[in-house]
Amino acid sequence: MLRNEAYIVTARATAYRTTSFTIASEIWAGDLRTTFTCVCVTLEPDGSARRPLAQTFIDHIRTIDGAQTASSF
């Protein structure tokens, strides 16, 4: 990447479990420059425990992104 170079970042949820989901991202600047994946884990506000994903969120990432249940990350 160069200074002032125009680019596009794409991202979508690809998989989920009870308290986490995976995001796959790409950066494009005329051609594909890089890809990366991250796992997001949802926690209770005080950080004491993992928080289950809301069913509305699961429905959304399944419908919009095509995410599927993951057996393991």
N, C-alpha and C. Protein backbone atom coordinates (compact mmCIF):
# COMPACT_ATOMS: atom_id res chain seq x y z
N MET A 1 0.84 -1.17 0.00
CA MET A 1 0.00 0.00 0.00
C MET A 1 0.89 1.24 0.00
N LEU A 2 0.43 2.21 -0.75
CA LEU A 2 1.14 3.48 -0.84
C LEU A 2 0.30 4.59 -0.22
N ARG A 3 0.97 5.64 0.23
CA ARG A 3 0.25 6.78 0.78
C ARG A 3 -0.70 7.32 -0.28
N ASN A 4 -1.90 7.65 0.14
CA ASN A 4 -2.95 8.20 -0.72
C ASN A 4 -3.47 7.22 -1.76
N GLU A 5 -3.13 5.94 -1.65
CA GLU A 5 -3.64 4.94 -2.57
C GLU A 5 -5.07 4.57 -2.15
N ALA A 6 -5.98 4.57 -3.11
CA ALA A 6 -7.37 4.19 -2.83
C ALA A 6 -7.43 2.67 -2.61
N TYR A 7 -8.25 2.25 -1.67
CA TYR A 7 -8.37 0.82 -1.40
C TYR A 7 -9.79 0.50 -0.93
N ILE A 8 -10.12 -0.77 -0.98
CA ILE A 8 -11.42 -1.27 -0.52
C ILE A 8 -11.14 -2.42 0.45
N VAL A 9 -11.86 -2.40 1.58
CA VAL A 9 -11.76 -3.48 2.55
C VAL A 9 -13.09 -4.23 2.54
N THR A 10 -13.02 -5.56 2.39
CA THR A 10 -14.22 -6.38 2.46
C THR A 10 -14.12 -7.27 3.70
N ALA A 11 -15.27 -7.59 4.26
CA ALA A 11 -15.29 -8.46 5.44
C ALA A 11 -16.63 -9.18 5.50
N ARG A 12 -16.57 -10.42 5.97
CA ARG A 12 -17.81 -11.17 6.19
C ARG A 12 -17.58 -12.21 7.26
N ALA A 13 -18.66 -12.52 7.97
CA ALA A 13 -18.60 -13.61 8.94
C ALA A 13 -18.66 -14.92 8.18
N THR A 14 -17.77 -15.84 8.51
CA THR A 14 -17.71 -17.10 7.78
C THR A 14 -18.17 -18.29 8.63
N ALA A 15 -18.05 -18.20 9.94
CA ALA A 15 -18.41 -19.32 10.81
C ALA A 15 -18.74 -18.78 12.20
N TYR A 16 -19.46 -19.60 12.96
CA TYR A 16 -19.79 -19.18 14.32
C TYR A 16 -19.95 -20.41 15.21
N ARG A 17 -19.79 -20.17 16.48
CA ARG A 17 -20.10 -21.16 17.52
C ARG A 17 -21.01 -20.48 18.52
N THR A 18 -21.10 -20.97 19.73
CA THR A 18 -22.04 -20.38 20.70
C THR A 18 -21.65 -18.98 21.17
N THR A 19 -20.36 -18.74 21.35
CA THR A 19 -19.93 -17.45 21.91
C THR A 19 -18.88 -16.75 21.04
N SER A 20 -18.67 -17.23 19.82
CA SER A 20 -17.63 -16.62 18.97
C SER A 20 -18.00 -16.76 17.50
N PHE A 21 -17.34 -15.92 16.69
CA PHE A 21 -17.55 -15.99 15.25
C PHE A 21 -16.26 -15.59 14.54
N THR A 22 -16.11 -16.05 13.31
CA THR A 22 -14.91 -15.78 12.52
C THR A 22 -15.24 -14.77 11.42
N ILE A 23 -14.34 -13.81 11.23
CA ILE A 23 -14.48 -12.82 10.16
C ILE A 23 -13.31 -13.00 9.19
N ALA A 24 -13.63 -13.10 7.91
CA ALA A 24 -12.61 -13.15 6.86
C ALA A 24 -12.62 -11.80 6.14
N SER A 25 -11.45 -11.19 5.99
CA SER A 25 -11.34 -9.86 5.39
C SER A 25 -10.31 -9.86 4.27
N GLU A 26 -10.48 -8.91 3.35
CA GLU A 26 -9.53 -8.72 2.24
C GLU A 26 -9.34 -7.23 2.03
N ILE A 27 -8.15 -6.87 1.56
CA ILE A 27 -7.89 -5.48 1.16
C ILE A 27 -7.53 -5.50 -0.31
N TRP A 28 -8.25 -4.67 -1.06
CA TRP A 28 -8.08 -4.57 -2.51
C TRP A 28 -7.64 -3.15 -2.87
N ALA A 29 -6.67 -3.05 -3.76
CA ALA A 29 -6.24 -1.76 -4.32
C ALA A 29 -5.89 -2.04 -5.79
N GLY A 30 -6.93 -2.21 -6.61
CA GLY A 30 -6.73 -2.63 -7.98
C GLY A 30 -6.65 -4.14 -8.07
N ASP A 31 -5.88 -4.75 -7.17
CA ASP A 31 -5.78 -6.20 -7.07
C ASP A 31 -5.81 -6.57 -5.59
N LEU A 32 -5.92 -7.86 -5.31
CA LEU A 32 -5.96 -8.31 -3.93
C LEU A 32 -4.59 -8.12 -3.30
N ARG A 33 -4.54 -7.33 -2.22
CA ARG A 33 -3.27 -7.04 -1.57
C ARG A 33 -2.99 -7.94 -0.38
N THR A 34 -4.04 -8.24 0.40
CA THR A 34 -3.84 -9.09 1.56
C THR A 34 -5.17 -9.68 2.02
N THR A 35 -5.08 -10.77 2.75
CA THR A 35 -6.25 -11.38 3.38
C THR A 35 -5.92 -11.62 4.85
N PHE A 36 -6.93 -11.61 5.67
CA PHE A 36 -6.72 -11.92 7.08
C PHE A 36 -8.01 -12.43 7.69
N THR A 37 -7.86 -13.20 8.74
CA THR A 37 -8.99 -13.80 9.44
C THR A 37 -8.85 -13.52 10.93
N CYS A 38 -9.96 -13.27 11.57
CA CYS A 38 -9.91 -13.08 13.02
C CYS A 38 -11.09 -13.80 13.67
N VAL A 39 -10.91 -14.17 14.91
CA VAL A 39 -11.97 -14.78 15.70
C VAL A 39 -12.38 -13.78 16.76
N CYS A 40 -13.66 -13.48 16.82
CA CYS A 40 -14.21 -12.56 17.82
C CYS A 40 -14.94 -13.37 18.87
N VAL A 41 -14.61 -13.15 20.12
CA VAL A 41 -15.25 -13.85 21.23
C VAL A 41 -16.05 -12.82 22.01
N THR A 42 -17.33 -13.11 22.22
CA THR A 42 -18.18 -12.17 22.95
C THR A 42 -18.10 -12.46 24.45
N LEU A 43 -17.96 -11.39 25.23
CA LEU A 43 -17.82 -11.50 26.68
C LEU A 43 -18.90 -10.71 27.39
N GLU A 44 -19.16 -11.08 28.62
CA GLU A 44 -20.04 -10.28 29.48
C GLU A 44 -19.37 -8.92 29.69
N PRO A 45 -20.15 -7.87 29.96
CA PRO A 45 -19.58 -6.54 30.12
C PRO A 45 -18.43 -6.46 31.12
N ASP A 46 -18.49 -7.25 32.18
CA ASP A 46 -17.42 -7.20 33.19
C ASP A 46 -16.27 -8.16 32.86
N GLY A 47 -16.36 -8.88 31.72
CA GLY A 47 -15.30 -9.77 31.30
C GLY A 47 -15.24 -11.08 32.08
N SER A 48 -16.25 -11.34 32.90
CA SER A 48 -16.21 -12.51 33.77
C SER A 48 -16.49 -13.83 33.06
N ALA A 49 -17.15 -13.78 31.91
CA ALA A 49 -17.51 -15.01 31.21
C ALA A 49 -17.82 -14.69 29.75
N ARG A 50 -17.84 -15.73 28.95
CA ARG A 50 -18.25 -15.57 27.55
C ARG A 50 -19.76 -15.36 27.49
N ARG A 51 -20.18 -14.57 26.51
CA ARG A 51 -21.61 -14.29 26.34
C ARG A 51 -22.09 -14.99 25.07
N PRO A 52 -23.16 -15.75 25.14
CA PRO A 52 -23.68 -16.41 23.94
C PRO A 52 -24.11 -15.40 22.88
N LEU A 53 -23.90 -15.75 21.62
CA LEU A 53 -24.34 -14.90 20.52
C LEU A 53 -25.87 -14.83 20.51
N ALA A 54 -26.41 -13.67 20.23
CA ALA A 54 -27.87 -13.52 20.14
C ALA A 54 -28.36 -14.25 18.88
N GLN A 55 -29.51 -14.86 18.97
CA GLN A 55 -30.06 -15.58 17.82
C GLN A 55 -30.29 -14.63 16.64
N THR A 56 -30.66 -13.39 16.91
CA THR A 56 -30.86 -12.43 15.81
C THR A 56 -29.55 -12.18 15.07
N PHE A 57 -28.43 -12.15 15.81
CA PHE A 57 -27.12 -11.97 15.19
C PHE A 57 -26.76 -13.20 14.35
N ILE A 58 -26.99 -14.39 14.90
CA ILE A 58 -26.72 -15.62 14.16
C ILE A 58 -27.55 -15.66 12.88
N ASP A 59 -28.82 -15.34 12.98
CA ASP A 59 -29.69 -15.32 11.79
C ASP A 59 -29.16 -14.34 10.75
N HIS A 60 -28.70 -13.20 11.20
CA HIS A 60 -28.18 -12.17 10.29
C HIS A 60 -26.92 -12.66 9.55
N ILE A 61 -25.93 -13.18 10.28
CA ILE A 61 -24.70 -13.59 9.61
C ILE A 61 -24.90 -14.82 8.74
N ARG A 62 -25.87 -15.65 9.09
CA ARG A 62 -26.19 -16.80 8.22
C ARG A 62 -26.84 -16.32 6.93
N THR A 63 -27.79 -15.38 7.04
CA THR A 63 -28.53 -14.90 5.87
C THR A 63 -27.69 -13.98 4.99
N ILE A 64 -27.04 -13.01 5.58
CA ILE A 64 -26.30 -12.00 4.82
C ILE A 64 -24.93 -12.49 4.37
N ASP A 65 -24.18 -13.12 5.29
CA ASP A 65 -22.80 -13.53 4.99
C ASP A 65 -22.65 -14.99 4.59
N GLY A 66 -23.67 -15.79 4.84
CA GLY A 66 -23.56 -17.21 4.55
C GLY A 66 -22.74 -17.98 5.56
N ALA A 67 -22.61 -17.42 6.79
CA ALA A 67 -21.83 -18.10 7.82
C ALA A 67 -22.45 -19.43 8.18
N GLN A 68 -21.60 -20.37 8.54
CA GLN A 68 -22.04 -21.71 8.91
C GLN A 68 -21.51 -22.06 10.29
N THR A 69 -22.17 -23.00 10.92
CA THR A 69 -21.71 -23.47 12.23
C THR A 69 -20.32 -24.07 12.09
N ALA A 70 -19.42 -23.68 12.98
CA ALA A 70 -18.04 -24.21 12.95
C ALA A 70 -17.91 -25.33 13.96
N SER A 71 -17.19 -26.36 13.58
CA SER A 71 -16.94 -27.45 14.54
C SER A 71 -15.86 -27.05 15.52
N SER A 72 -14.88 -26.26 15.06
CA SER A 72 -13.85 -25.71 15.93
C SER A 72 -13.13 -24.61 15.17
N PHE A 73 -12.50 -23.69 15.89
CA PHE A 73 -11.76 -22.60 15.26
C PHE A 73 -10.29 -22.92 15.29
